[in-house]
C-alpha atoms as a PDB file:
ATOM      1  CA  MET A   1      79.187   5.895-113.908  1.00  0.00           C
ATOM      2  CA  ARG A   2      76.794   4.971-111.115  1.00  0.00           C
ATOM      3  CA  LYS A   3      73.864   4.739-113.513  1.00  0.00           C
ATOM      4  CA  LYS A   4      75.857   2.450-115.798  1.00  0.00           C
ATOM      5  CA  SER A   5      76.814   0.207-112.847  1.00  0.00           C
ATOM      6  CA  LYS A   6      73.200  -0.028-111.754  1.00  0.00           C
ATOM      7  CA  LYS A   7      72.174  -0.908-115.317  1.00  0.00           C
ATOM      8  CA  LEU A   8      74.823  -3.662-115.540  1.00  0.00           C
ATOM      9  CA  LEU A   9      73.777  -5.020-112.134  1.00  0.00           C
ATOM     10  CA  SER A  10      70.139  -5.155-113.221  1.00  0.00           C
ATOM     11  CA  MET A  11      71.077  -7.000-116.422  1.00  0.00           C
ATOM     12  CA  SER A  12      73.191  -9.491-114.455  1.00  0.00           C
ATOM     13  CA  ILE A  13      70.342 -10.199-112.029  1.00  0.00           C
ATOM     14  CA  ALA A  14      67.899 -10.652-114.917  1.00  0.00           C
ATOM     15  CA  THR A  15      70.323 -13.036-116.627  1.00  0.00           C
ATOM     16  CA  LEU A  16      70.698 -15.085-113.434  1.00  0.00           C
ATOM     17  CA  VAL A  17      66.939 -15.290-113.034  1.00  0.00           C
ATOM     18  CA  ILE A  18      66.556 -16.548-116.623  1.00  0.00           C
ATOM     19  CA  ILE A  19      69.352 -19.138-116.176  1.00  0.00           C
ATOM     20  CA  SER A  20      67.876 -20.286-112.858  1.00  0.00           C
ATOM     21  CA  THR A  21      64.444 -20.630-114.441  1.00  0.00           C
ATOM     22  CA  LEU A  22      65.850 -22.616-117.365  1.00  0.00           C
ATOM     23  CA  ASN A  23      67.793 -24.926-115.020  1.00  0.00           C
ATOM     24  CA  SER A  24      64.691 -25.519-112.893  1.00  0.00           C
ATOM     25  CA  SER A  25      62.665 -26.335-116.014  1.00  0.00           C
ATOM     26  CA  MET A  26      65.349 -28.747-117.230  1.00  0.00           C
ATOM     27  CA  VAL A  27      65.518 -30.519-113.834  1.00  0.00           C
ATOM     28  CA  TYR A  28      61.728 -30.774-113.675  1.00  0.00           C
ATOM     29  CA  ALA A  29      61.609 -32.085-117.238  1.00  0.00           C
ATOM     30  CA  ALA A  30      64.307 -34.680-116.426  1.00  0.00           C
ATOM     31  CA  GLU A  31      62.444 -35.815-113.292  1.00  0.00           C
ATOM     32  CA  GLU A  32      59.205 -35.995-115.278  1.00  0.00           C
ATOM     33  CA  SER A  33      60.979 -38.023-117.991  1.00  0.00           C
ATOM     34  CA  ASN A  34      62.459 -40.435-115.411  1.00  0.00           C
ATOM     35  CA  GLU A  35      59.075 -40.805-113.754  1.00  0.00           C
ATOM     36  CA  SER A  36      57.441 -41.593-117.094  1.00  0.00           C
ATOM     37  CA  GLN A  37      59.949 -44.435-117.611  1.00  0.00           C
ATOM     38  CA  LYS A  38      58.909 -46.151-114.379  1.00  0.00           C
ATOM     39  CA  ILE A  39      56.933 -49.358-114.855  1.00  0.00           C
ATOM     40  CA  GLN A  40      53.633 -48.766-113.101  1.00  0.00           C
ATOM     41  CA  SER A  41      51.598 -51.929-113.719  1.00  0.00           C
ATOM     42  CA  VAL A  42      51.743 -55.682-114.256  1.00  0.00           C
ATOM     43  CA  GLU A  43      50.763 -55.165-117.901  1.00  0.00           C
ATOM     44  CA  GLU A  44      53.644 -52.728-118.491  1.00  0.00           C
ATOM     45  CA  LEU A  45      56.122 -55.118-116.841  1.00  0.00           C
ATOM     46  CA  ALA A  46      54.853 -58.051-118.902  1.00  0.00           C
ATOM     47  CA  MET A  47      55.364 -55.976-122.055  1.00  0.00           C
ATOM     48  CA  ALA A  48      58.888 -54.951-120.974  1.00  0.00           C
ATOM     49  CA  VAL A  49      59.840 -58.605-120.319  1.00  0.00           C
ATOM     50  CA  GLU A  50      58.320 -59.722-123.627  1.00  0.00           C
ATOM     51  CA  MET A  51      60.237 -57.054-125.556  1.00  0.00           C
ATOM     52  CA  ALA A  52      63.507 -57.865-123.762  1.00  0.00           C
ATOM     53  CA  GLN A  53      63.320 -61.600-124.507  1.00  0.00           C
ATOM     54  CA  ALA A  54      62.017 -61.161-128.070  1.00  0.00           C
ATOM     55  CA  ASP A  55      65.525 -61.260-129.552  1.00  0.00           C
ATOM     56  CA  GLY A  56      66.780 -64.096-127.349  1.00  0.00           C
ATOM     57  CA  GLU A  57      67.896 -64.126-123.734  1.00  0.00           C
ATOM     58  CA  ILE A  58      67.491 -60.992-121.624  1.00  0.00           C
ATOM     59  CA  THR A  59      70.835 -59.168-121.557  1.00  0.00           C
ATOM     60  CA  GLU A  60      72.454 -57.805-118.412  1.00  0.00           C
ATOM     61  CA  ILE A  61      71.745 -54.243-119.592  1.00  0.00           C
ATOM     62  CA  GLU A  62      68.069 -55.049-120.208  1.00  0.00           C
ATOM     63  CA  LYS A  63      67.854 -56.815-116.843  1.00  0.00           C
ATOM     64  CA  ASN A  64      69.312 -53.830-114.958  1.00  0.00           C
ATOM     65  CA  ASP A  65      67.068 -51.416-116.863  1.00  0.00           C
ATOM     66  CA  ILE A  66      63.924 -53.376-115.958  1.00  0.00           C
ATOM     67  CA  LEU A  67      64.961 -53.800-112.314  1.00  0.00           C
ATOM     68  CA  SER A  68      65.833 -50.117-111.860  1.00  0.00           C
ATOM     69  CA  ASN A  69      62.428 -49.049-113.209  1.00  0.00           C
ATOM     70  CA  THR A  70      60.210 -51.667-111.533  1.00  0.00           C
ATOM     71  CA  PRO A  71      58.862 -51.263-107.975  1.00  0.00           C
ATOM     72  CA  LEU A  72      59.025 -54.525-106.006  1.00  0.00           C
ATOM     73  CA  GLU A  73      55.248 -54.450-105.536  1.00  0.00           C
ATOM     74  CA  VAL A  74      54.769 -54.598-109.315  1.00  0.00           C
ATOM     75  CA  ALA A  75      57.359 -57.396-109.658  1.00  0.00           C
ATOM     76  CA  ILE A  76      55.615 -59.565-107.039  1.00  0.00           C
ATOM     77  CA  ALA A  77      52.210 -58.873-108.602  1.00  0.00           C
ATOM     78  CA  TYR A  78      53.641 -59.879-112.001  1.00  0.00           C
ATOM     79  CA  VAL A  79      54.978 -63.177-110.623  1.00  0.00           C
ATOM     80  CA  ALA A  80      51.642 -63.740-108.868  1.00  0.00           C
ATOM     81  CA  SER A  81      49.872 -63.333-112.220  1.00  0.00           C
ATOM     82  CA  LEU A  82      51.965 -66.213-113.629  1.00  0.00           C
ATOM     83  CA  GLN A  83      50.956 -68.855-111.077  1.00  0.00           C
ATOM     84  CA  GLU A  84      49.028 -70.890-113.668  1.00  0.00           C
ATOM     85  CA  GLU A  85      52.168 -70.945-115.833  1.00  0.00           C
ATOM     86  CA  VAL A  86      54.218 -71.915-112.756  1.00  0.00           C
ATOM     87  CA  LYS A  87      51.849 -74.809-112.080  1.00  0.00           C
ATOM     88  CA  GLN A  88      52.023 -75.995-115.699  1.00  0.00           C
ATOM     89  CA  VAL A  89      55.832 -75.932-115.758  1.00  0.00           C
ATOM     90  CA  LEU A  90      56.099 -77.822-112.464  1.00  0.00           C
ATOM     91  CA  GLU A  91      53.612 -80.438-113.639  1.00  0.00           C
ATOM     92  CA  THR A  92      55.312 -80.804-117.040  1.00  0.00           C
ATOM     93  CA  GLU A  93      58.734 -81.264-115.462  1.00  0.00           C
ATOM     94  CA  ASN A  94      57.339 -83.720-112.871  1.00  0.00           C
ATOM     95  CA  TYR A  95      58.221 -81.266-110.114  1.00  0.00           C
ATOM     96  CA  SER A  96      59.448 -82.472-106.754  1.00  0.00           C
ATOM     97  CA  VAL A  97      62.613 -82.219-104.762  1.00  0.00           C
ATOM     98  CA  ALA A  98      63.690 -85.503-103.282  1.00  0.00           C
ATOM     99  CA  ALA A  99      66.740 -86.550-101.327  1.00  0.00           C
ATOM    100  CA  ALA A 100      67.608 -89.637 -99.367  1.00  0.00           C
ATOM    101  CA  TYR A 101      69.932 -90.954 -96.694  1.00  0.00           C
ATOM    102  CA  SER A 102      70.640 -94.215 -94.961  1.00  0.00           C
ATOM    103  CA  SER A 103      71.858 -94.593 -91.393  1.00  0.00           C
ATOM    104  CA  GLU A 104      75.392 -94.606 -92.830  1.00  0.00           C
ATOM    105  CA  THR A 105      75.047 -90.861 -93.407  1.00  0.00           C
ATOM    106  CA  LEU A 106      72.641 -90.130 -90.576  1.00  0.00           C
ATOM    107  CA  ASP A 107      74.921 -87.522 -88.993  1.00  0.00           C
ATOM    108  CA  GLU A 108      75.564 -85.654 -92.226  1.00  0.00           C
ATOM    109  CA  ASP A 109      73.580 -82.771 -93.720  1.00  0.00           C
ATOM    110  CA  THR A 110      71.758 -83.617 -96.932  1.00  0.00           C
ATOM    111  CA  ILE A 111      70.968 -80.968 -99.528  1.00  0.00           C
ATOM    112  CA  SER A 112      69.023 -81.285-102.763  1.00  0.00           C
ATOM    113  CA  SER A 113      68.146 -78.416-105.125  1.00  0.00           C
ATOM    114  CA  ASN A 114      66.233 -77.868-108.377  1.00  0.00           C
ATOM    115  CA  THR A 115      65.553 -74.752-110.469  1.00  0.00           C
ATOM    116  CA  TYR A 116      62.524 -74.421-112.784  1.00  0.00           C
ATOM    117  CA  TYR A 117      62.360 -71.624-115.400  1.00  0.00           C
ATOM    118  CA  ILE A 118      58.922 -70.149-116.063  1.00  0.00           C
ATOM    119  CA  ASN A 119      60.276 -67.645-118.602  1.00  0.00           C
ATOM    120  CA  ASP A 120      63.530 -65.702-119.010  1.00  0.00           C
ATOM    121  CA  ALA A 121      62.615 -63.452-116.080  1.00  0.00           C
ATOM    122  CA  VAL A 122      60.876 -65.752-113.579  1.00  0.00           C
ATOM    123  CA  SER A 123      62.146 -68.948-111.947  1.00  0.00           C
ATOM    124  CA  VAL A 124      61.254 -71.210-109.049  1.00  0.00           C
ATOM    125  CA  ILE A 125      64.107 -72.559-106.896  1.00  0.00           C
ATOM    126  CA  VAL A 126      63.447 -75.394-104.462  1.00  0.00           C
ATOM    127  CA  ASP A 127      65.854 -76.775-101.838  1.00  0.00           C
ATOM    128  CA  ILE A 128      65.682 -79.483 -99.190  1.00  0.00           C
ATOM    129  CA  THR A 129      67.998 -79.841 -96.213  1.00  0.00           C
ATOM    130  CA  ASP A 130      67.960 -82.507 -93.530  1.00  0.00           C
ATOM    131  CA  VAL A 131      70.073 -82.095 -90.402  1.00  0.00           C
ATOM    132  CA  ALA A 132      70.458 -83.576 -86.959  1.00  0.00           C
ATOM    133  CA  GLU A 133      68.677 -81.464 -84.361  1.00  0.00           C
ATOM    134  CA  ASN A 134      70.000 -81.168 -80.819  1.00  0.00           C
ATOM    135  CA  THR A 135      67.239 -81.393 -78.240  1.00  0.00           C
ATOM    136  CA  ILE A 136      66.996 -81.700 -74.491  1.00  0.00           C
ATOM    137  CA  THR A 137      66.027 -85.368 -74.756  1.00  0.00           C
ATOM    138  CA  THR A 138      68.963 -87.783 -74.913  1.00  0.00           C
ATOM    139  CA  ARG A 139      68.520 -91.031 -76.783  1.00  0.00           C
ATOM    140  CA  GLY A 140      71.056 -93.806 -76.436  1.00  0.00           C
ATOM    141  CA  ALA A 141      69.855 -96.202 -79.134  1.00  0.00           C
ATOM    142  CA  THR A 142      72.334 -96.681 -81.970  1.00  0.00           C
ATOM    143  CA  VAL A 143      72.638 -98.577 -85.197  1.00  0.00           C
ATOM    144  CA  THR A 144      75.919 -99.949 -86.440  1.00  0.00           C
ATOM    145  CA  GLU A 145      77.068-100.350 -90.002  1.00  0.00           C
ATOM    146  CA  GLY A 146      80.577-101.323 -90.989  1.00  0.00           C
ATOM    147  CA  GLY A 147      81.827-100.808 -87.443  1.00  0.00           C
ATOM    148  CA  ALA A 148      80.705 -97.124 -87.347  1.00  0.00           C
ATOM    149  CA  SER A 149      78.104 -96.147 -84.785  1.00  0.00           C
ATOM    150  CA  LYS A 150      75.371 -93.672 -85.787  1.00  0.00           C
ATOM    151  CA  ALA A 151      73.133 -92.208 -83.094  1.00  0.00           C
ATOM    152  CA  LEU A 152      69.396 -92.324 -83.560  1.00  0.00           C
ATOM    153  CA  GLY A 153      67.509 -89.244 -82.443  1.00  0.00           C
ATOM    154  CA  ASP A 154      65.964 -85.984 -83.512  1.00  0.00           C
ATOM    155  CA  ARG A 155      66.249 -84.543 -86.999  1.00  0.00           C
ATOM    156  CA  LYS A 156      64.521 -81.879 -89.034  1.00  0.00           C
ATOM    157  CA  THR A 157      63.803 -81.586 -92.739  1.00  0.00           C
ATOM    158  CA  THR A 158      63.314 -78.117 -94.250  1.00  0.00           C
ATOM    159  CA  GLY A 159      61.937 -77.476 -97.715  1.00  0.00           C
ATOM    160  CA  THR A 160      62.525 -73.990 -99.158  1.00  0.00           C
ATOM    161  CA  TYR A 161      60.471 -72.695-102.077  1.00  0.00           C
ATOM    162  CA  LYS A 162      61.613 -69.453-103.771  1.00  0.00           C
ATOM    163  CA  GLU A 163      59.985 -67.442-106.537  1.00  0.00           C
ATOM    164  CA  THR A 164      62.471 -65.093-108.216  1.00  0.00           C
ATOM    165  CA  PHE A 165      62.354 -62.256-110.746  1.00  0.00           C
ATOM    166  CA  LEU A 166      65.530 -61.572-112.762  1.00  0.00           C
ATOM    167  CA  GLY A 167      67.600 -63.185-110.025  1.00  0.00           C
ATOM    168  CA  ILE A 168      65.936 -61.266-107.164  1.00  0.00           C
ATOM    169  CA  THR A 169      64.156 -63.439-104.581  1.00  0.00           C
ATOM    170  CA  LEU A 170      60.640 -62.041-104.112  1.00  0.00           C
ATOM    171  CA  ALA A 171      59.261 -64.784-101.866  1.00  0.00           C
ATOM    172  CA  GLU A 172      61.118 -67.396 -99.824  1.00  0.00           C
ATOM    173  CA  LEU A 173      58.755 -69.891 -98.197  1.00  0.00           C
ATOM    174  CA  LYS A 174      59.967 -72.504 -95.720  1.00  0.00           C
ATOM    175  CA  LEU A 175      58.325 -75.649 -94.390  1.00  0.00           C
ATOM    176  CA  THR A 176      60.074 -77.657 -91.664  1.00  0.00           C
ATOM    177  CA  LEU A 177      59.111 -81.022 -90.191  1.00  0.00           C
ATOM    178  CA  GLY A 178      60.847 -82.002 -86.964  1.00  0.00           C
ATOM    179  CA  TYR A 179      60.895 -85.763 -86.428  1.00  0.00           C
ATOM    180  CA  THR A 180      62.546 -88.505 -84.402  1.00  0.00           C
ATOM    181  CA  VAL A 181      64.186 -91.667 -85.719  1.00  0.00           C
ATOM    182  CA  ASN A 182      63.355 -94.318 -83.108  1.00  0.00           C
ATOM    183  CA  SER A 183      64.495 -97.924 -83.012  1.00  0.00           C
ATOM    184  CA  SER A 184      61.128 -99.236 -84.247  1.00  0.00           C
ATOM    185  CA  ASN A 185      59.458 -96.269 -85.993  1.00  0.00           C
ATOM    186  CA  MET A 186      59.683 -92.568 -86.853  1.00  0.00           C
ATOM    187  CA  THR A 187      57.473 -89.913 -85.258  1.00  0.00           C
ATOM    188  CA  THR A 188      56.879 -86.219 -85.839  1.00  0.00           C
ATOM    189  CA  ARG A 189      57.532 -83.560 -83.199  1.00  0.00           C
ATOM    190  CA  TYR A 190      56.449 -80.321 -84.896  1.00  0.00           C
ATOM    191  CA  ALA A 191      55.846 -78.487 -88.182  1.00  0.00           C
ATOM    192  CA  SER A 192      56.941 -74.904 -88.773  1.00  0.00           C
ATOM    193  CA  THR A 193      57.028 -72.164 -91.426  1.00  0.00           C
ATOM    194  CA  SER A 194      59.642 -70.148 -89.524  1.00  0.00           C
ATOM    195  CA  GLY A 195      61.958 -68.131 -91.784  1.00  0.00           C
ATOM    196  CA  SER A 196      59.376 -67.505 -94.528  1.00  0.00           C
ATOM    197  CA  THR A 197      59.778 -63.991 -95.969  1.00  0.00           C
ATOM    198  CA  VAL A 198      58.636 -61.758 -98.835  1.00  0.00           C
ATOM    199  CA  SER A 199      60.568 -58.797-100.244  1.00  0.00           C
ATOM    200  CA  VAL A 200      57.575 -56.473 -99.941  1.00  0.00           C
ATOM    201  CA  GLY A 201      54.128 -56.771 -98.374  1.00  0.00           C
ATOM    202  CA  SER A 202      53.450 -59.436 -95.749  1.00  0.00           C
ATOM    203  CA  VAL A 203      53.014 -63.189 -95.496  1.00  0.00           C
ATOM    204  CA  SER A 204      50.818 -65.062 -93.022  1.00  0.00           C
ATOM    205  CA  THR A 205      51.343 -68.794 -92.616  1.00  0.00           C
ATOM    206  CA  SER A 206      49.855 -71.889 -91.037  1.00  0.00           C
ATOM    207  CA  THR A 207      50.848 -75.564 -90.759  1.00  0.00           C
ATOM    208  CA  GLU A 208      49.139 -78.890 -90.296  1.00  0.00           C
ATOM    209  CA  ILE A 209      50.670 -82.315 -89.593  1.00  0.00           C
ATOM    210  CA  THR A 210      48.572 -84.746 -91.604  1.00  0.00           C
ATOM    211  CA  ASP A 211      50.417 -87.983 -90.717  1.00  0.00           C
ATOM    212  CA  ASP A 212      52.470 -88.086 -87.516  1.00  0.00           C
ATOM    213  CA  GLU A 213      54.079 -91.535 -87.630  1.00  0.00           C
ATOM    214  CA  ALA A 214      55.936 -93.830 -89.992  1.00  0.00           C
ATOM    215  CA  ALA A 215      55.186 -97.057 -88.154  1.00  0.00           C
ATOM    216  CA  LYS A 216      56.991 -99.374 -90.558  1.00  0.00           C
ATOM    217  CA  VAL A 217      58.735 -99.619 -93.930  1.00  0.00           C
ATOM    218  CA  GLY A 218      56.708 -97.915 -96.669  1.00  0.00           C
ATOM    219  CA  HIS A 219      55.029 -95.471 -94.302  1.00  0.00           C
ATOM    220  CA  ASP A 220      55.672 -91.735 -94.230  1.00  0.00           C
ATOM    221  CA  MET A 221      55.068 -88.622 -92.133  1.00  0.00           C
ATOM    222  CA  ASN A 222      53.520 -85.553 -93.769  1.00  0.00           C
ATOM    223  CA  CYS A 223      52.830 -81.899 -93.098  1.00  0.00           C
ATOM    224  CA  ASN A 224      51.291 -79.034 -95.074  1.00  0.00           C
ATOM    225  CA  GLY A 225      52.108 -75.331 -95.091  1.00  0.00           C
ATOM    226  CA  SER A 226      49.856 -72.515 -96.302  1.00  0.00           C
ATOM    227  CA  TYR A 227      51.248 -69.074 -97.254  1.00  0.00           C
ATOM    228  CA  ASP A 228      49.043 -66.029 -97.878  1.00  0.00           C
ATOM    229  CA  ILE A 229      51.001 -63.141 -99.405  1.00  0.00           C
ATOM    230  CA  SER A 230      49.396 -59.681 -99.244  1.00  0.00           C
ATOM    231  CA  ILE A 231      50.557 -56.708-101.323  1.00  0.00           C
ATOM    232  CA  ALA A 232      48.798 -53.354-100.817  1.00  0.00           C
ATOM    233  CA  GLY A 233      46.952 -52.340-103.980  1.00  0.00           C
ATOM    234  CA  TYR A 234      47.473 -55.677-105.747  1.00  0.00           C
ATOM    235  CA  ALA A 235      45.814 -59.078-105.820  1.00  0.00           C
ATOM    236  CA  GLY A 236      47.064 -61.425-103.106  1.00  0.00           C
ATOM    237  CA  LEU A 237      48.779 -64.757-103.642  1.00  0.00           C
ATOM    238  CA  ASN A 238      48.290 -68.098-101.892  1.00  0.00           C
ATOM    239  CA  ILE A 239      50.814 -70.931-102.142  1.00  0.00           C
ATOM    240  CA  GLY A 240      50.536 -74.354-100.523  1.00  0.00           C
ATOM    241  CA  LEU A 241      53.419 -76.755 -99.857  1.00  0.00           C
ATOM    242  CA  THR A 242      53.480 -80.320 -98.588  1.00  0.00           C
ATOM    243  CA  LEU A 243      56.520 -82.065 -97.115  1.00  0.00           C
ATOM    244  CA  SER A 244      56.873 -85.836 -96.800  1.00  0.00           C
ATOM    245  CA  VAL A 245      59.451 -87.879 -94.857  1.00  0.00           C
ATOM    246  CA  LYS A 246      59.268 -91.558 -95.816  1.00  0.00           C
ATOM    247  CA  TRP A 247      60.822 -94.693 -94.343  1.00  0.00           C
ATOM    248  CA  GLU A 248      61.283 -96.187 -97.784  1.00  0.00           C
ATOM    249  CA  ARG A 249      63.046 -99.470 -97.129  1.00  0.00           C
ATOM    250  CA  ASN A 250      65.575-101.370 -95.043  1.00  0.00           C
ATOM    251  CA  ILE A 251      68.938-101.863 -96.698  1.00  0.00           C
ATOM    252  CA  ASP A 252      69.569-104.538 -94.073  1.00  0.00           C
ATOM    253  CA  SER A 253      68.259-105.270 -90.597  1.00  0.00           C
ATOM    254  CA  GLN A 254      70.015-102.252 -89.110  1.00  0.00           C
ATOM    255  CA  THR A 255      70.085 -99.691 -91.917  1.00  0.00           C
ATOM    256  CA  ARG A 256      67.189 -97.514 -93.054  1.00  0.00           C
ATOM    257  CA  TYR A 257      66.723 -95.693 -96.315  1.00  0.00           C
ATOM    258  CA  ILE A 258      64.687 -92.505 -95.835  1.00  0.00           C
ATOM    259  CA  ARG A 259      63.396 -90.130 -98.517  1.00  0.00           C
ATOM    260  CA  TRP A 260      62.105 -86.568 -98.344  1.00  0.00           C
ATOM    261  CA  LYS A 261      59.860 -84.870-100.872  1.00  0.00           C
ATOM    262  CA  LEU A 262      58.523 -81.323-101.212  1.00  0.00           C
ATOM    263  CA  ASP A 263      55.565 -80.588-103.498  1.00  0.00           C
ATOM    264  CA  THR A 264      53.183 -77.732-104.195  1.00  0.00           C
ATOM    265  CA  ILE A 265      49.477 -78.239-103.431  1.00  0.00           C
END
């Protein structure tokens, strides 16, 4: 009986070893299969997007499949490779984001937004906000319209430029111009790229104020922002933005009409 038990035990151990080996092979094969489905290059991603949009709009299933198999580095590099197409679309659609206010709405936030589609997977979203900015300096000058007093003082305009891939923001670039509405002119206080981010890699930025005063009607203040995006192992990307704040006209002797505009350069 002991010999039989030993024989059965040996067979059981051998069976377990075979099953374990088979399971390990299956797991390895599955991992290898999953790895082979990963999109490894810009060319592979371009092909996946082209195939997905060949029969119309990219479906939610196709979108999720591409996103789950695409490293962010490859997605950013793919968008970077389309910058000529981005430029063409923006030029064709007369790209700019403009908004305006008069002193009647001086204390209110102003928001303007546009979306430009490069293809079914890539879009550019551009926003402008203009808000009052509290500073240490107190200014008492006011303008009056319809019996309502609106304080002159410090404001800031921020343009936000986003490049997205299948709804995921890969780069969000900001350009802010701080300025002061005075009784006789408008003057700049600073320019900033604070808040600019990329989903992977790094971005280095710089600003330059190119016109620091709107001395009279028809004049504007301008600043530029430069954004260098670096992605390890991939070609870098440089984007330039310019922001303009213009004293466009007087509605009457006490009311100004001011316009903002964000453009690529």
